[in-house]
Amino acid sequence: MGGGGADAGGLCALLTLTSVLKPDHFLVYYPPNLTQVVTLLEHLKILALPYLQERTLEVIHREWGVHSPSPSHTPSSNK
């Protein structure tokens, strides 16, 4: 489902998913941005599909460069 507006491909995909998804099962959607969440909700409303949006989460991924200290930077045991 692309960004912005109700595109025919996204609507068709939702209709297909709805026809094969068993009752009491889940549709889980992992879009890369919030705009696509809004588009999904628009599609669900347009088609009046029986889905419930339980929650929307944002997960931020940050890479950290954490390295073990080299032997020359470890505290000396000589006192």
PDB file of N, CA and C in Angstrom:
ATOM      1  N   MET A   1       0.840  -1.171   0.000  1.00  0.00           N
ATOM      2  CA  MET A   1       0.000   0.000   0.000  1.00  0.00           C
ATOM      3  C   MET A   1       0.880   1.226   0.000  1.00  0.00           C
ATOM      4  N   GLY A   2       0.736   2.016  -0.998  1.00  0.00           N
ATOM      5  CA  GLY A   2       1.577   3.193  -1.140  1.00  0.00           C
ATOM      6  C   GLY A   2       1.139   4.320  -0.237  1.00  0.00           C
ATOM      7  N   GLY A   3       1.882   5.407  -0.291  1.00  0.00           N
ATOM      8  CA  GLY A   3       1.571   6.549   0.552  1.00  0.00           C
ATOM      9  C   GLY A   3       0.477   7.404  -0.028  1.00  0.00           C
ATOM     10  N   GLY A   4      -0.303   8.037   0.823  1.00  0.00           N
ATOM     11  CA  GLY A   4      -1.284   9.032   0.449  1.00  0.00           C
ATOM     12  C   GLY A   4      -2.419   8.550  -0.418  1.00  0.00           C
ATOM     13  N   GLY A   5      -3.631   8.704   0.043  1.00  0.00           N
ATOM     14  CA  GLY A   5      -4.789   8.398  -0.776  1.00  0.00           C
ATOM     15  C   GLY A   5      -5.079   6.913  -0.868  1.00  0.00           C
ATOM     16  N   ALA A   6      -6.245   6.634  -1.426  1.00  0.00           N
ATOM     17  CA  ALA A   6      -6.691   5.252  -1.540  1.00  0.00           C
ATOM     18  C   ALA A   6      -6.390   4.746  -2.937  1.00  0.00           C
ATOM     19  N   ASP A   7      -5.261   4.072  -3.136  1.00  0.00           N
ATOM     20  CA  ASP A   7      -4.908   3.557  -4.449  1.00  0.00           C
ATOM     21  C   ASP A   7      -5.578   2.211  -4.685  1.00  0.00           C
ATOM     22  N   ALA A   8      -5.822   1.885  -5.950  1.00  0.00           N
ATOM     23  CA  ALA A   8      -6.533   0.657  -6.309  1.00  0.00           C
ATOM     24  C   ALA A   8      -5.773  -0.594  -5.876  1.00  0.00           C
ATOM     25  N   GLY A   9      -4.432  -0.585  -5.978  1.00  0.00           N
ATOM     26  CA  GLY A   9      -3.648  -1.754  -5.576  1.00  0.00           C
ATOM     27  C   GLY A   9      -3.786  -2.070  -4.106  1.00  0.00           C
ATOM     28  N   GLY A  10      -3.760  -1.035  -3.277  1.00  0.00           N
ATOM     29  CA  GLY A  10      -3.906  -1.234  -1.835  1.00  0.00           C
ATOM     30  C   GLY A  10      -5.286  -1.735  -1.466  1.00  0.00           C
ATOM     31  N   LEU A  11      -6.290  -1.190  -2.122  1.00  0.00           N
ATOM     32  CA  LEU A  11      -7.658  -1.633  -1.856  1.00  0.00           C
ATOM     33  C   LEU A  11      -7.844  -3.091  -2.271  1.00  0.00           C
ATOM     34  N   CYS A  12      -7.296  -3.447  -3.421  1.00  0.00           N
ATOM     35  CA  CYS A  12      -7.387  -4.826  -3.909  1.00  0.00           C
ATOM     36  C   CYS A  12      -6.674  -5.783  -2.954  1.00  0.00           C
ATOM     37  N   ALA A  13      -5.500  -5.376  -2.468  1.00  0.00           N
ATOM     38  CA  ALA A  13      -4.752  -6.212  -1.527  1.00  0.00           C
ATOM     39  C   ALA A  13      -5.545  -6.434  -0.244  1.00  0.00           C
ATOM     40  N   LEU A  14      -6.195  -5.403   0.260  1.00  0.00           N
ATOM     41  CA  LEU A  14      -7.001  -5.552   1.478  1.00  0.00           C
ATOM     42  C   LEU A  14      -8.180  -6.488   1.257  1.00  0.00           C
ATOM     43  N   LEU A  15      -8.819  -6.380   0.103  1.00  0.00           N
ATOM     44  CA  LEU A  15      -9.941  -7.272  -0.192  1.00  0.00           C
ATOM     45  C   LEU A  15      -9.474  -8.724  -0.267  1.00  0.00           C
ATOM     46  N   THR A  16      -8.318  -8.946  -0.879  1.00  0.00           N
ATOM     47  CA  THR A  16      -7.770 -10.296  -0.974  1.00  0.00           C
ATOM     48  C   THR A  16      -7.427 -10.842   0.407  1.00  0.00           C
ATOM     49  N   LEU A  17      -6.755 -10.031   1.224  1.00  0.00           N
ATOM     50  CA  LEU A  17      -6.403 -10.468   2.584  1.00  0.00           C
ATOM     51  C   LEU A  17      -7.655 -10.800   3.392  1.00  0.00           C
ATOM     52  N   THR A  18      -8.652  -9.964   3.273  1.00  0.00           N
ATOM     53  CA  THR A  18      -9.882 -10.163   4.032  1.00  0.00           C
ATOM     54  C   THR A  18     -10.564 -11.459   3.625  1.00  0.00           C
ATOM     55  N   SER A  19     -10.502 -11.802   2.338  1.00  0.00           N
ATOM     56  CA  SER A  19     -11.181 -13.018   1.876  1.00  0.00           C
ATOM     57  C   SER A  19     -10.480 -14.297   2.336  1.00  0.00           C
ATOM     58  N   VAL A  20      -9.167 -14.242   2.634  1.00  0.00           N
ATOM     59  CA  VAL A  20      -8.447 -15.458   3.031  1.00  0.00           C
ATOM     60  C   VAL A  20      -8.109 -15.509   4.520  1.00  0.00           C
ATOM     61  N   LEU A  21      -8.235 -14.399   5.216  1.00  0.00           N
ATOM     62  CA  LEU A  21      -7.918 -14.369   6.648  1.00  0.00           C
ATOM     63  C   LEU A  21      -9.039 -15.037   7.435  1.00  0.00           C
ATOM     64  N   LYS A  22      -8.674 -15.983   8.276  1.00  0.00           N
ATOM     65  CA  LYS A  22      -9.667 -16.700   9.063  1.00  0.00           C
ATOM     66  C   LYS A  22     -10.204 -15.809  10.181  1.00  0.00           C
ATOM     67  N   PRO A  23     -11.462 -16.027  10.591  1.00  0.00           N
ATOM     68  CA  PRO A  23     -12.023 -15.252  11.703  1.00  0.00           C
ATOM     69  C   PRO A  23     -11.159 -15.415  12.956  1.00  0.00           C
ATOM     70  N   ASP A  24     -11.080 -14.383  13.740  1.00  0.00           N
ATOM     71  CA  ASP A  24     -10.309 -14.355  14.985  1.00  0.00           C
ATOM     72  C   ASP A  24      -8.803 -14.470  14.762  1.00  0.00           C
ATOM     73  N   HIS A  25      -8.320 -14.168  13.557  1.00  0.00           N
ATOM     74  CA  HIS A  25      -6.899 -14.114  13.277  1.00  0.00           C
ATOM     75  C   HIS A  25      -6.505 -12.656  13.087  1.00  0.00           C
ATOM     76  N   PHE A  26      -5.217 -12.401  12.969  1.00  0.00           N
ATOM     77  CA  PHE A  26      -4.721 -11.037  12.971  1.00  0.00           C
ATOM     78  C   PHE A  26      -4.137 -10.624  11.626  1.00  0.00           C
ATOM     79  N   LEU A  27      -4.320  -9.376  11.320  1.00  0.00           N
ATOM     80  CA  LEU A  27      -3.614  -8.741  10.214  1.00  0.00           C
ATOM     81  C   LEU A  27      -2.610  -7.798  10.869  1.00  0.00           C
ATOM     82  N   VAL A  28      -1.331  -8.072  10.667  1.00  0.00           N
ATOM     83  CA  VAL A  28      -0.271  -7.254  11.253  1.00  0.00           C
ATOM     84  C   VAL A  28       0.423  -6.536  10.112  1.00  0.00           C
ATOM     85  N   TYR A  29       0.647  -5.256  10.285  1.00  0.00           N
ATOM     86  CA  TYR A  29       1.190  -4.414   9.214  1.00  0.00           C
ATOM     87  C   TYR A  29       2.395  -3.648   9.745  1.00  0.00           C
ATOM     88  N   TYR A  30       3.526  -3.754   9.057  1.00  0.00           N
ATOM     89  CA  TYR A  30       4.759  -3.087   9.463  1.00  0.00           C
ATOM     90  C   TYR A  30       5.179  -2.076   8.395  1.00  0.00           C
ATOM     91  N   PRO A  31       4.568  -0.909   8.364  1.00  0.00           N
ATOM     92  CA  PRO A  31       4.949   0.081   7.358  1.00  0.00           C
ATOM     93  C   PRO A  31       6.189   0.857   7.802  1.00  0.00           C
ATOM     94  N   PRO A  32       6.945   1.392   6.849  1.00  0.00           N
ATOM     95  CA  PRO A  32       8.138   2.152   7.217  1.00  0.00           C
ATOM     96  C   PRO A  32       7.858   3.572   7.699  1.00  0.00           C
ATOM     97  N   ASN A  33       6.636   4.068   7.509  1.00  0.00           N
ATOM     98  CA  ASN A  33       6.354   5.433   7.977  1.00  0.00           C
ATOM     99  C   ASN A  33       4.887   5.592   8.358  1.00  0.00           C
ATOM    100  N   LEU A  34       4.604   6.633   9.092  1.00  0.00           N
ATOM    101  CA  LEU A  34       3.250   6.874   9.603  1.00  0.00           C
ATOM    102  C   LEU A  34       2.253   7.179   8.496  1.00  0.00           C
ATOM    103  N   THR A  35       2.699   7.774   7.413  1.00  0.00           N
ATOM    104  CA  THR A  35       1.807   8.078   6.291  1.00  0.00           C
ATOM    105  C   THR A  35       1.140   6.795   5.788  1.00  0.00           C
ATOM    106  N   GLN A  36       1.876   5.710   5.766  1.00  0.00           N
ATOM    107  CA  GLN A  36       1.311   4.447   5.301  1.00  0.00           C
ATOM    108  C   GLN A  36       0.315   3.857   6.300  1.00  0.00           C
ATOM    109  N   VAL A  37       0.470   4.147   7.565  1.00  0.00           N
ATOM    110  CA  VAL A  37      -0.522   3.736   8.564  1.00  0.00           C
ATOM    111  C   VAL A  37      -1.833   4.465   8.286  1.00  0.00           C
ATOM    112  N   VAL A  38      -1.741   5.762   8.030  1.00  0.00           N
ATOM    113  CA  VAL A  38      -2.929   6.565   7.728  1.00  0.00           C
ATOM    114  C   VAL A  38      -3.612   6.037   6.468  1.00  0.00           C
ATOM    115  N   THR A  39      -2.825   5.696   5.450  1.00  0.00           N
ATOM    116  CA  THR A  39      -3.387   5.156   4.209  1.00  0.00           C
ATOM    117  C   THR A  39      -4.129   3.852   4.471  1.00  0.00           C
ATOM    118  N   LEU A  40      -3.547   2.972   5.275  1.00  0.00           N
ATOM    119  CA  LEU A  40      -4.217   1.718   5.619  1.00  0.00           C
ATOM    120  C   LEU A  40      -5.560   1.997   6.293  1.00  0.00           C
ATOM    121  N   LEU A  41      -5.571   2.910   7.246  1.00  0.00           N
ATOM    122  CA  LEU A  41      -6.823   3.224   7.948  1.00  0.00           C
ATOM    123  C   LEU A  41      -7.862   3.813   7.000  1.00  0.00           C
ATOM    124  N   GLU A  42      -7.408   4.624   6.039  1.00  0.00           N
ATOM    125  CA  GLU A  42      -8.332   5.161   5.031  1.00  0.00           C
ATOM    126  C   GLU A  42      -8.937   4.031   4.203  1.00  0.00           C
ATOM    127  N   HIS A  43      -8.113   3.079   3.795  1.00  0.00           N
ATOM    128  CA  HIS A  43      -8.595   1.942   3.015  1.00  0.00           C
ATOM    129  C   HIS A  43      -9.609   1.130   3.808  1.00  0.00           C
ATOM    130  N   LEU A  44      -9.320   0.875   5.067  1.00  0.00           N
ATOM    131  CA  LEU A  44     -10.248   0.108   5.899  1.00  0.00           C
ATOM    132  C   LEU A  44     -11.591   0.812   6.022  1.00  0.00           C
ATOM    133  N   LYS A  45     -11.550   2.135   6.127  1.00  0.00           N
ATOM    134  CA  LYS A  45     -12.792   2.911   6.244  1.00  0.00           C
ATOM    135  C   LYS A  45     -13.570   2.896   4.935  1.00  0.00           C
ATOM    136  N   ILE A  46     -12.877   3.103   3.815  1.00  0.00           N
ATOM    137  CA  ILE A  46     -13.540   3.122   2.503  1.00  0.00           C
ATOM    138  C   ILE A  46     -14.246   1.798   2.230  1.00  0.00           C
ATOM    139  N   LEU A  47     -13.578   0.697   2.540  1.00  0.00           N
ATOM    140  CA  LEU A  47     -14.133  -0.624   2.258  1.00  0.00           C
ATOM    141  C   LEU A  47     -15.034  -1.156   3.370  1.00  0.00           C
ATOM    142  N   ALA A  48     -15.127  -0.427   4.481  1.00  0.00           N
ATOM    143  CA  ALA A  48     -15.921  -0.844   5.637  1.00  0.00           C
ATOM    144  C   ALA A  48     -15.570  -2.278   6.049  1.00  0.00           C
ATOM    145  N   LEU A  49     -14.261  -2.548   6.132  1.00  0.00           N
ATOM    146  CA  LEU A  49     -13.798  -3.881   6.500  1.00  0.00           C
ATOM    147  C   LEU A  49     -13.825  -4.068   8.014  1.00  0.00           C
ATOM    148  N   PRO A  50     -14.014  -5.302   8.466  1.00  0.00           N
ATOM    149  CA  PRO A  50     -14.204  -5.569   9.897  1.00  0.00           C
ATOM    150  C   PRO A  50     -12.904  -5.681  10.682  1.00  0.00           C
ATOM    151  N   TYR A  51     -12.045  -4.690  10.569  1.00  0.00           N
ATOM    152  CA  TYR A  51     -10.777  -4.713  11.310  1.00  0.00           C
ATOM    153  C   TYR A  51     -10.817  -3.702  12.450  1.00  0.00           C
ATOM    154  N   LEU A  52     -10.068  -4.007  13.480  1.00  0.00           N
ATOM    155  CA  LEU A  52      -9.937  -3.131  14.636  1.00  0.00           C
ATOM    156  C   LEU A  52      -8.477  -2.737  14.753  1.00  0.00           C
ATOM    157  N   GLN A  53      -8.222  -1.443  14.832  1.00  0.00           N
ATOM    158  CA  GLN A  53      -6.851  -0.986  15.059  1.00  0.00           C
ATOM    159  C   GLN A  53      -6.632  -0.982  16.562  1.00  0.00           C
ATOM    160  N   GLU A  54      -5.825  -1.917  17.023  1.00  0.00           N
ATOM    161  CA  GLU A  54      -5.587  -2.024  18.461  1.00  0.00           C
ATOM    162  C   GLU A  54      -4.568  -1.005  18.928  1.00  0.00           C
ATOM    163  N   ARG A  55      -3.474  -0.866  18.176  1.00  0.00           N
ATOM    164  CA  ARG A  55      -2.474   0.119  18.563  1.00  0.00           C
ATOM    165  C   ARG A  55      -1.506   0.362  17.411  1.00  0.00           C
ATOM    166  N   THR A  56      -0.847   1.487  17.498  1.00  0.00           N
ATOM    167  CA  THR A  56       0.207   1.845  16.552  1.00  0.00           C
ATOM    168  C   THR A  56       1.446   2.170  17.366  1.00  0.00           C
ATOM    169  N   LEU A  57       2.556   1.518  17.027  1.00  0.00           N
ATOM    170  CA  LEU A  57       3.811   1.725  17.741  1.00  0.00           C
ATOM    171  C   LEU A  57       4.864   2.273  16.796  1.00  0.00           C
ATOM    172  N   GLU A  58       5.719   3.124  17.314  1.00  0.00           N
ATOM    173  CA  GLU A  58       6.880   3.581  16.564  1.00  0.00           C
ATOM    174  C   GLU A  58       8.111   2.989  17.243  1.00  0.00           C
ATOM    175  N   VAL A  59       8.922   2.310  16.468  1.00  0.00           N
ATOM    176  CA  VAL A  59      10.143   1.709  16.984  1.00  0.00           C
ATOM    177  C   VAL A  59      11.314   2.408  16.310  1.00  0.00           C
ATOM    178  N   ILE A  60      12.176   2.982  17.114  1.00  0.00           N
ATOM    179  CA  ILE A  60      13.332   3.699  16.586  1.00  0.00           C
ATOM    180  C   ILE A  60      14.560   2.815  16.731  1.00  0.00           C
ATOM    181  N   HIS A  61      15.293   2.676  15.661  1.00  0.00           N
ATOM    182  CA  HIS A  61      16.509   1.862  15.668  1.00  0.00           C
ATOM    183  C   HIS A  61      17.708   2.796  15.603  1.00  0.00           C
ATOM    184  N   ARG A  62      18.580   2.707  16.582  1.00  0.00           N
ATOM    185  CA  ARG A  62      19.808   3.493  16.602  1.00  0.00           C
ATOM    186  C   ARG A  62      20.981   2.553  16.765  1.00  0.00           C
ATOM    187  N   GLU A  63      21.976   2.734  15.924  1.00  0.00           N
ATOM    188  CA  GLU A  63      23.170   1.923  16.039  1.00  0.00           C
ATOM    189  C   GLU A  63      24.190   2.662  16.890  1.00  0.00           C
ATOM    190  N   TRP A  64      24.772   1.949  17.838  1.00  0.00           N
ATOM    191  CA  TRP A  64      25.761   2.530  18.732  1.00  0.00           C
ATOM    192  C   TRP A  64      27.097   1.834  18.488  1.00  0.00           C
ATOM    193  N   GLY A  65      28.162   2.604  18.436  1.00  0.00           N
ATOM    194  CA  GLY A  65      29.504   2.053  18.274  1.00  0.00           C
ATOM    195  C   GLY A  65      30.146   1.843  19.636  1.00  0.00           C
ATOM    196  N   VAL A  66      29.803   0.762  20.314  1.00  0.00           N
ATOM    197  CA  VAL A  66      30.337   0.465  21.639  1.00  0.00           C
ATOM    198  C   VAL A  66      31.379  -0.639  21.483  1.00  0.00           C
ATOM    199  N   HIS A  67      32.594  -0.362  21.962  1.00  0.00           N
ATOM    200  CA  HIS A  67      33.683  -1.322  21.832  1.00  0.00           C
ATOM    201  C   HIS A  67      34.326  -1.563  23.195  1.00  0.00           C
ATOM    202  N   SER A  68      34.844  -2.764  23.363  1.00  0.00           N
ATOM    203  CA  SER A  68      35.584  -3.067  24.593  1.00  0.00           C
ATOM    204  C   SER A  68      36.858  -2.231  24.615  1.00  0.00           C
ATOM    205  N   PRO A  69      37.276  -1.774  25.791  1.00  0.00           N
ATOM    206  CA  PRO A  69      38.522  -0.999  25.847  1.00  0.00           C
ATOM    207  C   PRO A  69      39.722  -1.880  25.477  1.00  0.00           C
ATOM    208  N   SER A  70      40.695  -1.247  24.844  1.00  0.00           N
ATOM    209  CA  SER A  70      41.915  -1.998  24.508  1.00  0.00           C
ATOM    210  C   SER A  70      42.700  -2.250  25.792  1.00  0.00           C
ATOM    211  N   PRO A  71      43.608  -3.242  25.799  1.00  0.00           N
ATOM    212  CA  PRO A  71      44.370  -3.562  27.021  1.00  0.00           C
ATOM    213  C   PRO A  71      45.121  -2.354  27.586  1.00  0.00           C
ATOM    214  N   SER A  72      45.540  -1.423  26.761  1.00  0.00           N
ATOM    215  CA  SER A  72      46.290  -0.272  27.263  1.00  0.00           C
ATOM    216  C   SER A  72      45.393   0.720  28.015  1.00  0.00           C
ATOM    217  N   HIS A  73      44.066   0.565  27.888  1.00  0.00           N
ATOM    218  CA  HIS A  73      43.139   1.458  28.577  1.00  0.00           C
ATOM    219  C   HIS A  73      42.465   0.824  29.781  1.00  0.00           C
ATOM    220  N   THR A  74      42.819  -0.395  30.123  1.00  0.00           N
ATOM    221  CA  THR A  74      42.226  -1.025  31.293  1.00  0.00           C
ATOM    222  C   THR A  74      42.991  -0.623  32.539  1.00  0.00           C
ATOM    223  N   PRO A  75      42.306  -0.559  33.670  1.00  0.00           N
ATOM    224  CA  PRO A  75      42.986  -0.164  34.913  1.00  0.00           C
ATOM    225  C   PRO A  75      44.118  -1.137  35.258  1.00  0.00           C
ATOM    226  N   SER A  76      45.177  -0.581  35.733  1.00  0.00           N
ATOM    227  CA  SER A  76      46.344  -1.391  36.090  1.00  0.00           C
ATOM    228  C   SER A  76      46.092  -2.072  37.425  1.00  0.00           C
ATOM    229  N   SER A  77      46.569  -3.325  37.538  1.00  0.00           N
ATOM    230  CA  SER A  77      46.431  -4.040  38.813  1.00  0.00           C
ATOM    231  C   SER A  77      47.617  -3.736  39.735  1.00  0.00           C
ATOM    232  N   ASN A  78      48.609  -2.979  39.248  1.00  0.00           N
ATOM    233  CA  ASN A  78      49.766  -2.616  40.074  1.00  0.00           C
ATOM    234  C   ASN A  78      49.409  -1.409  40.940  1.00  0.00           C
ATOM    235  N   LYS A  79      49.585  -1.533  42.238  1.00  0.00           N
ATOM    236  CA  LYS A  79      49.259  -0.414  43.127  1.00  0.00           C
ATOM    237  C   LYS A  79      50.444  -0.055  43.958  1.00  0.00           C
TER     238      LYS A  79
END
